[in-house]
PDB file of N, CA and C in Angstrom:
ATOM      1  N   MET A   1       0.836  -1.180   0.000  1.00  0.00           N
ATOM      2  CA  MET A   1       0.000   0.000   0.000  1.00  0.00           C
ATOM      3  C   MET A   1       0.882   1.243   0.000  1.00  0.00           C
ATOM      4  N   LYS A   2       0.685   2.121  -0.945  1.00  0.00           N
ATOM      5  CA  LYS A   2       1.468   3.349  -1.037  1.00  0.00           C
ATOM      6  C   LYS A   2       0.821   4.431  -0.180  1.00  0.00           C
ATOM      7  N   PRO A   3       1.660   5.240   0.485  1.00  0.00           N
ATOM      8  CA  PRO A   3       1.077   6.326   1.271  1.00  0.00           C
ATOM      9  C   PRO A   3       0.456   7.387   0.382  1.00  0.00           C
ATOM     10  N   THR A   4      -0.612   7.968   0.848  1.00  0.00           N
ATOM     11  CA  THR A   4      -1.240   9.076   0.135  1.00  0.00           C
ATOM     12  C   THR A   4      -0.933  10.354   0.901  1.00  0.00           C
ATOM     13  N   GLU A   5      -1.458  11.460   0.419  1.00  0.00           N
ATOM     14  CA  GLU A   5      -1.187  12.726   1.096  1.00  0.00           C
ATOM     15  C   GLU A   5      -1.740  12.756   2.512  1.00  0.00           C
ATOM     16  N   THR A   6      -2.763  11.959   2.795  1.00  0.00           N
ATOM     17  CA  THR A   6      -3.348  11.968   4.130  1.00  0.00           C
ATOM     18  C   THR A   6      -2.788  10.871   5.019  1.00  0.00           C
ATOM     19  N   GLN A   7      -1.948   9.986   4.461  1.00  0.00           N
ATOM     20  CA  GLN A   7      -1.353   8.914   5.240  1.00  0.00           C
ATOM     21  C   GLN A   7       0.150   9.127   5.332  1.00  0.00           C
ATOM     22  N   THR A   8       0.713   8.671   6.442  1.00  0.00           N
ATOM     23  CA  THR A   8       2.159   8.630   6.559  1.00  0.00           C
ATOM     24  C   THR A   8       2.542   7.209   6.881  1.00  0.00           C
ATOM     25  N   PRO A   9       3.635   6.715   6.332  1.00  0.00           N
ATOM     26  CA  PRO A   9       4.031   5.348   6.605  1.00  0.00           C
ATOM     27  C   PRO A   9       4.294   5.161   8.095  1.00  0.00           C
ATOM     28  N   ALA A  10       3.741   4.089   8.661  1.00  0.00           N
ATOM     29  CA  ALA A  10       3.884   3.826  10.095  1.00  0.00           C
ATOM     30  C   ALA A  10       5.334   3.523  10.464  1.00  0.00           C
ATOM     31  N   ALA A  11       6.086   2.973   9.537  1.00  0.00           N
ATOM     32  CA  ALA A  11       7.448   2.544   9.838  1.00  0.00           C
ATOM     33  C   ALA A  11       8.459   3.686   9.803  1.00  0.00           C
ATOM     34  N   THR A  12       8.044   4.873   9.393  1.00  0.00           N
ATOM     35  CA  THR A  12       9.013   5.960   9.280  1.00  0.00           C
ATOM     36  C   THR A  12       8.937   6.867  10.493  1.00  0.00           C
ATOM     37  N   ALA A  13       9.791   6.618  11.448  1.00  0.00           N
ATOM     38  CA  ALA A  13       9.883   7.475  12.618  1.00  0.00           C
ATOM     39  C   ALA A  13      10.668   8.720  12.225  1.00  0.00           C
ATOM     40  N   LYS A  14      10.152   9.870  12.556  1.00  0.00           N
ATOM     41  CA  LYS A  14      10.825  11.115  12.198  1.00  0.00           C
ATOM     42  C   LYS A  14      11.824  11.488  13.285  1.00  0.00           C
ATOM     43  N   PRO A  15      13.093  11.603  12.926  1.00  0.00           N
ATOM     44  CA  PRO A  15      14.057  12.052  13.924  1.00  0.00           C
ATOM     45  C   PRO A  15      13.735  13.476  14.362  1.00  0.00           C
ATOM     46  N   GLU A  16      14.104  13.775  15.583  1.00  0.00           N
ATOM     47  CA  GLU A  16      13.896  15.113  16.112  1.00  0.00           C
ATOM     48  C   GLU A  16      15.163  15.597  16.801  1.00  0.00           C
ATOM     49  N   ILE A  17      15.341  16.894  16.806  1.00  0.00           N
ATOM     50  CA  ILE A  17      16.461  17.520  17.506  1.00  0.00           C
ATOM     51  C   ILE A  17      15.876  18.602  18.395  1.00  0.00           C
ATOM     52  N   THR A  18      16.294  18.620  19.643  1.00  0.00           N
ATOM     53  CA  THR A  18      15.835  19.642  20.578  1.00  0.00           C
ATOM     54  C   THR A  18      16.905  20.719  20.702  1.00  0.00           C
ATOM     55  N   ILE A  19      16.482  21.962  20.567  1.00  0.00           N
ATOM     56  CA  ILE A  19      17.370  23.116  20.664  1.00  0.00           C
ATOM     57  C   ILE A  19      16.964  23.917  21.896  1.00  0.00           C
ATOM     58  N   LYS A  20      17.903  24.104  22.810  1.00  0.00           N
ATOM     59  CA  LYS A  20      17.663  24.982  23.962  1.00  0.00           C
ATOM     60  C   LYS A  20      18.063  26.390  23.535  1.00  0.00           C
ATOM     61  N   LEU A  21      17.108  27.299  23.576  1.00  0.00           N
ATOM     62  CA  LEU A  21      17.352  28.661  23.124  1.00  0.00           C
ATOM     63  C   LEU A  21      18.208  29.425  24.128  1.00  0.00           C
ATOM     64  N   THR A  22      19.195  30.160  23.608  1.00  0.00           N
ATOM     65  CA  THR A  22      20.029  30.977  24.498  1.00  0.00           C
ATOM     66  C   THR A  22      19.253  32.195  24.980  1.00  0.00           C
ATOM     67  N   ARG A  23      18.323  32.645  24.169  1.00  0.00           N
ATOM     68  CA  ARG A  23      17.428  33.744  24.551  1.00  0.00           C
ATOM     69  C   ARG A  23      15.993  33.280  24.338  1.00  0.00           C
ATOM     70  N   PRO A  24      15.345  32.806  25.418  1.00  0.00           N
ATOM     71  CA  PRO A  24      13.965  32.334  25.282  1.00  0.00           C
ATOM     72  C   PRO A  24      13.042  33.407  24.710  1.00  0.00           C
ATOM     73  N   LEU A  25      12.008  32.950  24.029  1.00  0.00           N
ATOM     74  CA  LEU A  25      10.999  33.839  23.455  1.00  0.00           C
ATOM     75  C   LEU A  25       9.825  33.937  24.425  1.00  0.00           C
ATOM     76  N   GLU A  26       9.225  35.105  24.494  1.00  0.00           N
ATOM     77  CA  GLU A  26       8.052  35.294  25.349  1.00  0.00           C
ATOM     78  C   GLU A  26       6.821  35.420  24.479  1.00  0.00           C
ATOM     79  N   ARG A  27       5.806  34.643  24.843  1.00  0.00           N
ATOM     80  CA  ARG A  27       4.521  34.671  24.141  1.00  0.00           C
ATOM     81  C   ARG A  27       3.462  34.877  25.216  1.00  0.00           C
ATOM     82  N   GLY A  28       3.136  36.141  25.439  1.00  0.00           N
ATOM     83  CA  GLY A  28       2.240  36.437  26.558  1.00  0.00           C
ATOM     84  C   GLY A  28       2.943  36.054  27.855  1.00  0.00           C
ATOM     85  N   GLU A  29       2.303  35.208  28.641  1.00  0.00           N
ATOM     86  CA  GLU A  29       2.926  34.733  29.876  1.00  0.00           C
ATOM     87  C   GLU A  29       3.753  33.475  29.655  1.00  0.00           C
ATOM     88  N   GLN A  30       3.640  32.866  28.484  1.00  0.00           N
ATOM     89  CA  GLN A  30       4.394  31.655  28.152  1.00  0.00           C
ATOM     90  C   GLN A  30       5.818  32.023  27.737  1.00  0.00           C
ATOM     91  N   VAL A  31       6.775  31.242  28.233  1.00  0.00           N
ATOM     92  CA  VAL A  31       8.168  31.419  27.849  1.00  0.00           C
ATOM     93  C   VAL A  31       8.583  30.184  27.057  1.00  0.00           C
ATOM     94  N   ILE A  32       9.061  30.397  25.835  1.00  0.00           N
ATOM     95  CA  ILE A  32       9.514  29.298  24.982  1.00  0.00           C
ATOM     96  C   ILE A  32      11.033  29.234  25.099  1.00  0.00           C
ATOM     97  N   SER A  33      11.522  28.205  25.789  1.00  0.00           N
ATOM     98  CA  SER A  33      12.969  28.092  26.019  1.00  0.00           C
ATOM     99  C   SER A  33      13.596  26.965  25.200  1.00  0.00           C
ATOM    100  N   THR A  34      12.779  26.090  24.646  1.00  0.00           N
ATOM    101  CA  THR A  34      13.300  25.022  23.785  1.00  0.00           C
ATOM    102  C   THR A  34      12.401  24.869  22.565  1.00  0.00           C
ATOM    103  N   LEU A  35      13.021  24.457  21.475  1.00  0.00           N
ATOM    104  CA  LEU A  35      12.296  24.112  20.254  1.00  0.00           C
ATOM    105  C   LEU A  35      12.635  22.678  19.901  1.00  0.00           C
ATOM    106  N   VAL A  36      11.649  21.936  19.452  1.00  0.00           N
ATOM    107  CA  VAL A  36      11.888  20.599  18.925  1.00  0.00           C
ATOM    108  C   VAL A  36      11.741  20.705  17.414  1.00  0.00           C
ATOM    109  N   LEU A  37      12.809  20.365  16.709  1.00  0.00           N
ATOM    110  CA  LEU A  37      12.805  20.403  15.246  1.00  0.00           C
ATOM    111  C   LEU A  37      12.629  18.995  14.730  1.00  0.00           C
ATOM    112  N   ARG A  38      11.638  18.793  13.884  1.00  0.00           N
ATOM    113  CA  ARG A  38      11.457  17.471  13.276  1.00  0.00           C
ATOM    114  C   ARG A  38      12.108  17.469  11.898  1.00  0.00           C
ATOM    115  N   GLU A  39      12.480  16.290  11.469  1.00  0.00           N
ATOM    116  CA  GLU A  39      13.137  16.167  10.167  1.00  0.00           C
ATOM    117  C   GLU A  39      12.227  16.713   9.072  1.00  0.00           C
ATOM    118  N   PRO A  40      12.748  17.626   8.232  1.00  0.00           N
ATOM    119  CA  PRO A  40      11.917  18.171   7.157  1.00  0.00           C
ATOM    120  C   PRO A  40      11.607  17.100   6.108  1.00  0.00           C
ATOM    121  N   ARG A  41      10.446  17.205   5.569  1.00  0.00           N
ATOM    122  CA  ARG A  41      10.028  16.365   4.441  1.00  0.00           C
ATOM    123  C   ARG A  41       9.913  17.266   3.217  1.00  0.00           C
ATOM    124  N   ALA A  42       9.713  16.681   2.084  1.00  0.00           N
ATOM    125  CA  ALA A  42       9.657  17.439   0.830  1.00  0.00           C
ATOM    126  C   ALA A  42       8.646  18.579   0.910  1.00  0.00           C
ATOM    127  N   ILE A  43       7.493  18.346   1.509  1.00  0.00           N
ATOM    128  CA  ILE A  43       6.466  19.383   1.582  1.00  0.00           C
ATOM    129  C   ILE A  43       6.955  20.585   2.395  1.00  0.00           C
ATOM    130  N   ASN A  44       7.800  20.343   3.402  1.00  0.00           N
ATOM    131  CA  ASN A  44       8.345  21.446   4.207  1.00  0.00           C
ATOM    132  C   ASN A  44       9.358  22.274   3.435  1.00  0.00           C
ATOM    133  N   LEU A  45       9.951  21.687   2.424  1.00  0.00           N
ATOM    134  CA  LEU A  45      10.997  22.355   1.642  1.00  0.00           C
ATOM    135  C   LEU A  45      10.462  22.985   0.356  1.00  0.00           C
ATOM    136  N   LYS A  46       9.182  22.813   0.102  1.00  0.00           N
ATOM    137  CA  LYS A  46       8.588  23.323  -1.134  1.00  0.00           C
ATOM    138  C   LYS A  46       8.798  24.828  -1.245  1.00  0.00           C
ATOM    139  N   GLY A  47       9.269  25.257  -2.411  1.00  0.00           N
ATOM    140  CA  GLY A  47       9.502  26.667  -2.667  1.00  0.00           C
ATOM    141  C   GLY A  47      10.826  27.185  -2.126  1.00  0.00           C
ATOM    142  N   MET A  48      11.620  26.283  -1.559  1.00  0.00           N
ATOM    143  CA  MET A  48      12.911  26.685  -1.001  1.00  0.00           C
ATOM    144  C   MET A  48      14.030  26.109  -1.848  1.00  0.00           C
ATOM    145  N   LYS A  49      15.187  26.726  -1.778  1.00  0.00           N
ATOM    146  CA  LYS A  49      16.368  26.195  -2.448  1.00  0.00           C
ATOM    147  C   LYS A  49      17.217  25.487  -1.404  1.00  0.00           C
ATOM    148  N   LEU A  50      17.509  24.212  -1.644  1.00  0.00           N
ATOM    149  CA  LEU A  50      18.329  23.457  -0.697  1.00  0.00           C
ATOM    150  C   LEU A  50      19.683  24.119  -0.485  1.00  0.00           C
ATOM    151  N   ALA A  51      20.241  24.675  -1.541  1.00  0.00           N
ATOM    152  CA  ALA A  51      21.547  25.341  -1.415  1.00  0.00           C
ATOM    153  C   ALA A  51      21.471  26.467  -0.389  1.00  0.00           C
ATOM    154  N   ASP A  52      20.357  27.210  -0.371  1.00  0.00           N
ATOM    155  CA  ASP A  52      20.210  28.300   0.595  1.00  0.00           C
ATOM    156  C   ASP A  52      20.131  27.759   2.024  1.00  0.00           C
ATOM    157  N   VAL A  53      19.397  26.672   2.206  1.00  0.00           N
ATOM    158  CA  VAL A  53      19.299  26.058   3.537  1.00  0.00           C
ATOM    159  C   VAL A  53      20.670  25.578   3.985  1.00  0.00           C
ATOM    160  N   LEU A  54      21.378  24.874   3.110  1.00  0.00           N
ATOM    161  CA  LEU A  54      22.674  24.305   3.461  1.00  0.00           C
ATOM    162  C   LEU A  54      23.758  25.359   3.648  1.00  0.00           C
ATOM    163  N   GLN A  55      23.557  26.556   3.082  1.00  0.00           N
ATOM    164  CA  GLN A  55      24.511  27.652   3.271  1.00  0.00           C
ATOM    165  C   GLN A  55      24.112  28.537   4.449  1.00  0.00           C
ATOM    166  N   LEU A  56      23.140  28.088   5.221  1.00  0.00           N
ATOM    167  CA  LEU A  56      22.657  28.801   6.409  1.00  0.00           C
ATOM    168  C   LEU A  56      22.129  30.197   6.079  1.00  0.00           C
ATOM    169  N   ASP A  57      21.467  30.319   4.942  1.00  0.00           N
ATOM    170  CA  ASP A  57      20.806  31.566   4.592  1.00  0.00           C
ATOM    171  C   ASP A  57      19.750  31.858   5.663  1.00  0.00           C
ATOM    172  N   VAL A  58      19.833  33.018   6.277  1.00  0.00           N
ATOM    173  CA  VAL A  58      18.974  33.334   7.425  1.00  0.00           C
ATOM    174  C   VAL A  58      17.494  33.237   7.068  1.00  0.00           C
ATOM    175  N   ASP A  59      17.071  33.835   5.970  1.00  0.00           N
ATOM    176  CA  ASP A  59      15.654  33.776   5.593  1.00  0.00           C
ATOM    177  C   ASP A  59      15.185  32.334   5.397  1.00  0.00           C
ATOM    178  N   SER A  60      16.031  31.507   4.789  1.00  0.00           N
ATOM    179  CA  SER A  60      15.669  30.106   4.575  1.00  0.00           C
ATOM    180  C   SER A  60      15.553  29.348   5.895  1.00  0.00           C
ATOM    181  N   ILE A  61      16.496  29.596   6.807  1.00  0.00           N
ATOM    182  CA  ILE A  61      16.455  28.920   8.107  1.00  0.00           C
ATOM    183  C   ILE A  61      15.217  29.355   8.889  1.00  0.00           C
ATOM    184  N   LEU A  62      14.883  30.649   8.844  1.00  0.00           N
ATOM    185  CA  LEU A  62      13.704  31.127   9.555  1.00  0.00           C
ATOM    186  C   LEU A  62      12.424  30.537   8.978  1.00  0.00           C
ATOM    187  N   THR A  63      12.334  30.485   7.649  1.00  0.00           N
ATOM    188  CA  THR A  63      11.160  29.901   7.001  1.00  0.00           C
ATOM    189  C   THR A  63      11.013  28.432   7.371  1.00  0.00           C
ATOM    190  N   LEU A  64      12.110  27.691   7.277  1.00  0.00           N
ATOM    191  CA  LEU A  64      12.058  26.262   7.589  1.00  0.00           C
ATOM    192  C   LEU A  64      11.753  26.031   9.065  1.00  0.00           C
ATOM    193  N   THR A  65      12.287  26.877   9.930  1.00  0.00           N
ATOM    194  CA  THR A  65      12.007  26.747  11.363  1.00  0.00           C
ATOM    195  C   THR A  65      10.510  26.848  11.619  1.00  0.00           C
ATOM    196  N   GLN A  66       9.848  27.780  10.977  1.00  0.00           N
ATOM    197  CA  GLN A  66       8.398  27.905  11.141  1.00  0.00           C
ATOM    198  C   GLN A  66       7.669  26.646  10.698  1.00  0.00           C
ATOM    199  N   ARG A  67       8.218  25.934   9.750  1.00  0.00           N
ATOM    200  CA  ARG A  67       7.555  24.760   9.190  1.00  0.00           C
ATOM    201  C   ARG A  67       7.814  23.478   9.976  1.00  0.00           C
ATOM    202  N   ILE A  68       8.900  23.438  10.750  1.00  0.00           N
ATOM    203  CA  ILE A  68       9.256  22.160  11.392  1.00  0.00           C
ATOM    204  C   ILE A  68       9.404  22.243  12.913  1.00  0.00           C
ATOM    205  N   ALA A  69       9.186  23.414  13.509  1.00  0.00           N
ATOM    206  CA  ALA A  69       9.418  23.575  14.948  1.00  0.00           C
ATOM    207  C   ALA A  69       8.156  23.326  15.763  1.00  0.00           C
ATOM    208  N   THR A  70       8.377  22.775  16.949  1.00  0.00           N
ATOM    209  CA  THR A  70       7.344  22.646  17.958  1.00  0.00           C
ATOM    210  C   THR A  70       7.886  23.293  19.213  1.00  0.00           C
ATOM    211  N   PRO A  71       7.194  24.220  19.810  1.00  0.00           N
ATOM    212  CA  PRO A  71       5.895  24.736  19.390  1.00  0.00           C
ATOM    213  C   PRO A  71       6.026  25.562  18.111  1.00  0.00           C
ATOM    214  N   PRO A  72       4.941  25.640  17.354  1.00  0.00           N
ATOM    215  CA  PRO A  72       4.983  26.447  16.131  1.00  0.00           C
ATOM    216  C   PRO A  72       5.257  27.910  16.479  1.00  0.00           C
ATOM    217  N   LEU A  73       6.072  28.553  15.660  1.00  0.00           N
ATOM    218  CA  LEU A  73       6.415  29.957  15.882  1.00  0.00           C
ATOM    219  C   LEU A  73       5.810  30.824  14.790  1.00  0.00           C
ATOM    220  N   THR A  74       5.450  32.035  15.176  1.00  0.00           N
ATOM    221  CA  THR A  74       4.934  32.994  14.202  1.00  0.00           C
ATOM    222  C   THR A  74       6.102  33.643  13.467  1.00  0.00           C
ATOM    223  N   ASP A  75       5.773  34.375  12.420  1.00  0.00           N
ATOM    224  CA  ASP A  75       6.785  35.095  11.649  1.00  0.00           C
ATOM    225  C   ASP A  75       7.544  36.079  12.537  1.00  0.00           C
ATOM    226  N   ILE A  76       6.832  36.772  13.383  1.00  0.00           N
ATOM    227  CA  ILE A  76       7.475  37.745  14.284  1.00  0.00           C
ATOM    228  C   ILE A  76       8.377  37.029  15.282  1.00  0.00           C
ATOM    229  N   GLU A  77       7.925  35.902  15.820  1.00  0.00           N
ATOM    230  CA  GLU A  77       8.726  35.180  16.811  1.00  0.00           C
ATOM    231  C   GLU A  77      10.044  34.685  16.229  1.00  0.00           C
ATOM    232  N   VAL A  78      10.025  34.120  15.014  1.00  0.00           N
ATOM    233  CA  VAL A  78      11.293  33.645  14.444  1.00  0.00           C
ATOM    234  C   VAL A  78      12.236  34.801  14.163  1.00  0.00           C
ATOM    235  N   ARG A  79      11.696  35.959  13.861  1.00  0.00           N
ATOM    236  CA  ARG A  79      12.546  37.128  13.592  1.00  0.00           C
ATOM    237  C   ARG A  79      13.159  37.703  14.866  1.00  0.00           C
ATOM    238  N   TRP A  80      12.657  37.287  16.020  1.00  0.00           N
ATOM    239  CA  TRP A  80      13.226  37.715  17.295  1.00  0.00           C
ATOM    240  C   TRP A  80      14.214  36.702  17.851  1.00  0.00           C
ATOM    241  N   LEU A  81      14.471  35.600  17.135  1.00  0.00           N
ATOM    242  CA  LEU A  81      15.464  34.627  17.602  1.00  0.00           C
ATOM    243  C   LEU A  81      16.848  35.266  17.641  1.00  0.00           C
ATOM    244  N   ALA A  82      17.621  34.888  18.628  1.00  0.00           N
ATOM    245  CA  ALA A  82      18.993  35.387  18.744  1.00  0.00           C
ATOM    246  C   ALA A  82      19.839  34.823  17.607  1.00  0.00           C
ATOM    247  N   PRO A  83      20.824  35.574  17.128  1.00  0.00           N
ATOM    248  CA  PRO A  83      21.700  35.073  16.065  1.00  0.00           C
ATOM    249  C   PRO A  83      22.338  33.720  16.414  1.00  0.00           C
ATOM    250  N   SER A  84      22.723  33.533  17.665  1.00  0.00           N
ATOM    251  CA  SER A  84      23.323  32.249  18.052  1.00  0.00           C
ATOM    252  C   SER A  84      22.306  31.120  17.945  1.00  0.00           C
ATOM    253  N   ASP A  85      21.039  31.413  18.234  1.00  0.00           N
ATOM    254  CA  ASP A  85      19.998  30.384  18.110  1.00  0.00           C
ATOM    255  C   ASP A  85      19.716  30.061  16.646  1.00  0.00           C
ATOM    256  N   ILE A  86      19.729  31.079  15.797  1.00  0.00           N
ATOM    257  CA  ILE A  86      19.525  30.842  14.362  1.00  0.00           C
ATOM    258  C   ILE A  86      20.647  29.951  13.827  1.00  0.00           C
ATOM    259  N   THR A  87      21.865  30.221  14.252  1.00  0.00           N
ATOM    260  CA  THR A  87      23.005  29.408  13.816  1.00  0.00           C
ATOM    261  C   THR A  87      22.856  27.972  14.295  1.00  0.00           C
ATOM    262  N   ARG A  88      22.484  27.786  15.564  1.00  0.00           N
ATOM    263  CA  ARG A  88      22.339  26.423  16.101  1.00  0.00           C
ATOM    264  C   ARG A  88      21.202  25.681  15.413  1.00  0.00           C
ATOM    265  N   ILE A  89      20.119  26.379  15.108  1.00  0.00           N
ATOM    266  CA  ILE A  89      19.010  25.756  14.376  1.00  0.00           C
ATOM    267  C   ILE A  89      19.482  25.352  12.982  1.00  0.00           C
ATOM    268  N   GLY A  90      20.202  26.244  12.308  1.00  0.00           N
ATOM    269  CA  GLY A  90      20.700  25.948  10.964  1.00  0.00           C
ATOM    270  C   GLY A  90      21.624  24.744  10.941  1.00  0.00           C
ATOM    271  N   VAL A  91      22.542  24.662  11.896  1.00  0.00           N
ATOM    272  CA  VAL A  91      23.456  23.521  11.967  1.00  0.00           C
ATOM    273  C   VAL A  91      22.675  22.234  12.247  1.00  0.00           C
ATOM    274  N   ALA A  92      21.671  22.321  13.112  1.00  0.00           N
ATOM    275  CA  ALA A  92      20.844  21.144  13.400  1.00  0.00           C
ATOM    276  C   ALA A  92      20.088  20.692  12.152  1.00  0.00           C
ATOM    277  N   VAL A  93      19.562  21.653  11.397  1.00  0.00           N
ATOM    278  CA  VAL A  93      18.839  21.319  10.169  1.00  0.00           C
ATOM    279  C   VAL A  93      19.771  20.633   9.175  1.00  0.00           C
ATOM    280  N   ILE A  94      20.993  21.145   9.043  1.00  0.00           N
ATOM    281  CA  ILE A  94      21.956  20.529   8.132  1.00  0.00           C
ATOM    282  C   ILE A  94      22.197  19.074   8.513  1.00  0.00           C
ATOM    283  N   ASP A  95      22.198  18.777   9.805  1.00  0.00           N
ATOM    284  CA  ASP A  95      22.391  17.401  10.256  1.00  0.00           C
ATOM    285  C   ASP A  95      21.314  16.469   9.716  1.00  0.00           C
ATOM    286  N   PHE A  96      20.100  16.981   9.507  1.00  0.00           N
ATOM    287  CA  PHE A  96      19.038  16.147   8.929  1.00  0.00           C
ATOM    288  C   PHE A  96      19.381  15.709   7.506  1.00  0.00           C
ATOM    289  N   PHE A  97      20.217  16.488   6.814  1.00  0.00           N
ATOM    290  CA  PHE A  97      20.569  16.181   5.437  1.00  0.00           C
ATOM    291  C   PHE A  97      21.794  15.276   5.326  1.00  0.00           C
ATOM    292  N   ALA A  98      22.435  14.986   6.457  1.00  0.00           N
ATOM    293  CA  ALA A  98      23.614  14.119   6.449  1.00  0.00           C
ATOM    294  C   ALA A  98      23.181  12.694   6.116  1.00  0.00           C
ATOM    295  N   ASP A  99      24.002  12.019   5.348  1.00  0.00           N
ATOM    296  CA  ASP A  99      23.721  10.639   4.962  1.00  0.00           C
ATOM    297  C   ASP A  99      24.004   9.732   6.147  1.00  0.00           C
ATOM    298  N   ARG A 100      22.964   9.080   6.639  1.00  0.00           N
ATOM    299  CA  ARG A 100      23.128   8.161   7.767  1.00  0.00           C
ATOM    300  C   ARG A 100      22.892   6.740   7.295  1.00  0.00           C
ATOM    301  N   PRO A 101      23.841   5.852   7.550  1.00  0.00           N
ATOM    302  CA  PRO A 101      23.630   4.463   7.152  1.00  0.00           C
ATOM    303  C   PRO A 101      22.502   3.840   7.952  1.00  0.00           C
ATOM    304  N   THR A 102      21.696   3.017   7.287  1.00  0.00           N
ATOM    305  CA  THR A 102      20.618   2.322   7.983  1.00  0.00           C
ATOM    306  C   THR A 102      21.116   1.029   8.607  1.00  0.00           C
ATOM    307  N   ASP A 103      22.205   0.481   8.082  1.00  0.00           N
ATOM    308  CA  ASP A 103      22.806  -0.735   8.606  1.00  0.00           C
ATOM    309  C   ASP A 103      23.918  -0.342   9.574  1.00  0.00           C
ATOM    310  N   PRO A 104      23.833  -0.760  10.858  1.00  0.00           N
ATOM    311  CA  PRO A 104      24.860  -0.383  11.832  1.00  0.00           C
ATOM    312  C   PRO A 104      26.271  -0.767  11.403  1.00  0.00           C
ATOM    313  N   ASP A 105      26.409  -1.852  10.633  1.00  0.00           N
ATOM    314  CA  ASP A 105      27.733  -2.275  10.170  1.00  0.00           C
ATOM    315  C   ASP A 105      28.317  -1.292   9.159  1.00  0.00           C
ATOM    316  N   GLU A 106      27.430  -0.566   8.420  1.00  0.00           N
ATOM    317  CA  GLU A 106      27.906   0.411   7.443  1.00  0.00           C
ATOM    318  C   GLU A 106      28.612   1.569   8.123  1.00  0.00           C
ATOM    319  N   ALA A 107      28.201   1.900   9.328  1.00  0.00           N
ATOM    320  CA  ALA A 107      28.817   3.009  10.058  1.00  0.00           C
ATOM    321  C   ALA A 107      30.295   2.718  10.330  1.00  0.00           C
ATOM    322  N   ASP A 108      30.638   1.448  10.521  1.00  0.00           N
ATOM    323  CA  ASP A 108      32.013   1.070  10.781  1.00  0.00           C
ATOM    324  C   ASP A 108      32.880   1.172   9.535  1.00  0.00           C
ATOM    325  N   ARG A 109      32.254   1.113   8.351  1.00  0.00           N
ATOM    326  CA  ARG A 109      33.015   1.141   7.092  1.00  0.00           C
ATOM    327  C   ARG A 109      33.356   2.555   6.656  1.00  0.00           C
ATOM    328  N   SER A 110      32.749   3.556   7.271  1.00  0.00           N
ATOM    329  CA  SER A 110      32.969   4.947   6.848  1.00  0.00           C
ATOM    330  C   SER A 110      34.322   5.443   7.302  1.00  0.00           C
TER     331      SER A 110
END
Protein backbone atom coordinates (compact mmCIF):
# COMPACT_ATOMS: atom_id res chain seq x y z
CA MET A 1 0.00 0.00 0.00
CA LYS A 2 1.47 3.35 -1.04
CA PRO A 3 1.08 6.33 1.27
CA THR A 4 -1.24 9.08 0.13
CA GLU A 5 -1.19 12.73 1.10
CA THR A 6 -3.35 11.97 4.13
CA GLN A 7 -1.35 8.91 5.24
CA THR A 8 2.16 8.63 6.56
CA PRO A 9 4.03 5.35 6.60
CA ALA A 10 3.88 3.83 10.09
CA ALA A 11 7.45 2.54 9.84
CA THR A 12 9.01 5.96 9.28
CA ALA A 13 9.88 7.48 12.62
CA LYS A 14 10.82 11.12 12.20
CA PRO A 15 14.06 12.05 13.92
CA GLU A 16 13.90 15.11 16.11
CA ILE A 17 16.46 17.52 17.51
CA THR A 18 15.83 19.64 20.58
CA ILE A 19 17.37 23.12 20.66
CA LYS A 20 17.66 24.98 23.96
CA LEU A 21 17.35 28.66 23.12
CA THR A 22 20.03 30.98 24.50
CA ARG A 23 17.43 33.74 24.55
CA PRO A 24 13.97 32.33 25.28
CA LEU A 25 11.00 33.84 23.45
CA GLU A 26 8.05 35.29 25.35
CA ARG A 27 4.52 34.67 24.14
CA GLY A 28 2.24 36.44 26.56
CA GLU A 29 2.93 34.73 29.88
CA GLN A 30 4.39 31.65 28.15
CA VAL A 31 8.17 31.42 27.85
CA ILE A 32 9.51 29.30 24.98
CA SER A 33 12.97 28.09 26.02
CA THR A 34 13.30 25.02 23.79
CA LEU A 35 12.30 24.11 20.25
CA VAL A 36 11.89 20.60 18.92
CA LEU A 37 12.81 20.40 15.25
CA ARG A 38 11.46 17.47 13.28
CA GLU A 39 13.14 16.17 10.17
CA PRO A 40 11.92 18.17 7.16
CA ARG A 41 10.03 16.37 4.44
CA ALA A 42 9.66 17.44 0.83
CA ILE A 43 6.47 19.38 1.58
CA ASN A 44 8.35 21.45 4.21
CA LEU A 45 11.00 22.35 1.64
CA LYS A 46 8.59 23.32 -1.13
CA GLY A 47 9.50 26.67 -2.67
CA MET A 48 12.91 26.68 -1.00
CA LYS A 49 16.37 26.19 -2.45
CA LEU A 50 18.33 23.46 -0.70
CA ALA A 51 21.55 25.34 -1.42
CA ASP A 52 20.21 28.30 0.60
CA VAL A 53 19.30 26.06 3.54
CA LEU A 54 22.67 24.31 3.46
CA GLN A 55 24.51 27.65 3.27
CA LEU A 56 22.66 28.80 6.41
CA ASP A 57 20.81 31.57 4.59
CA VAL A 58 18.97 33.33 7.43
CA ASP A 59 15.65 33.78 5.59
CA SER A 60 15.67 30.11 4.57
CA ILE A 61 16.45 28.92 8.11
CA LEU A 62 13.70 31.13 9.56
CA THR A 63 11.16 29.90 7.00
CA LEU A 64 12.06 26.26 7.59
CA THR A 65 12.01 26.75 11.36
CA GLN A 66 8.40 27.90 11.14
CA ARG A 67 7.55 24.76 9.19
CA ILE A 68 9.26 22.16 11.39
CA ALA A 69 9.42 23.57 14.95
CA THR A 70 7.34 22.65 17.96
CA PRO A 71 5.90 24.74 19.39
CA PRO A 72 4.98 26.45 16.13
CA LEU A 73 6.42 29.96 15.88
CA THR A 74 4.93 32.99 14.20
CA ASP A 75 6.79 35.09 11.65
CA ILE A 76 7.48 37.74 14.28
CA GLU A 77 8.73 35.18 16.81
CA VAL A 78 11.29 33.64 14.44
CA ARG A 79 12.55 37.13 13.59
CA TRP A 80 13.23 37.71 17.30
CA LEU A 81 15.46 34.63 17.60
CA ALA A 82 18.99 35.39 18.74
CA PRO A 83 21.70 35.07 16.06
CA SER A 84 23.32 32.25 18.05
CA ASP A 85 20.00 30.38 18.11
CA ILE A 86 19.53 30.84 14.36
CA THR A 87 23.00 29.41 13.82
CA ARG A 88 22.34 26.42 16.10
CA ILE A 89 19.01 25.76 14.38
CA GLY A 90 20.70 25.95 10.96
CA VAL A 91 23.46 23.52 11.97
CA ALA A 92 20.84 21.14 13.40
CA VAL A 93 18.84 21.32 10.17
CA ILE A 94 21.96 20.53 8.13
CA ASP A 95 22.39 17.40 10.26
CA PHE A 96 19.04 16.15 8.93
CA PHE A 97 20.57 16.18 5.44
CA ALA A 98 23.61 14.12 6.45
CA ASP A 99 23.72 10.64 4.96
CA ARG A 100 23.13 8.16 7.77
CA PRO A 101 23.63 4.46 7.15
CA THR A 102 20.62 2.32 7.98
CA ASP A 103 22.81 -0.74 8.61
CA PRO A 104 24.86 -0.38 11.83
CA ASP A 105 27.73 -2.27 10.17
CA GLU A 106 27.91 0.41 7.44
CA ALA A 107 28.82 3.01 10.06
CA ASP A 108 32.01 1.07 10.78
CA ARG A 109 33.01 1.14 7.09
CA SER A 110 32.97 4.95 6.85
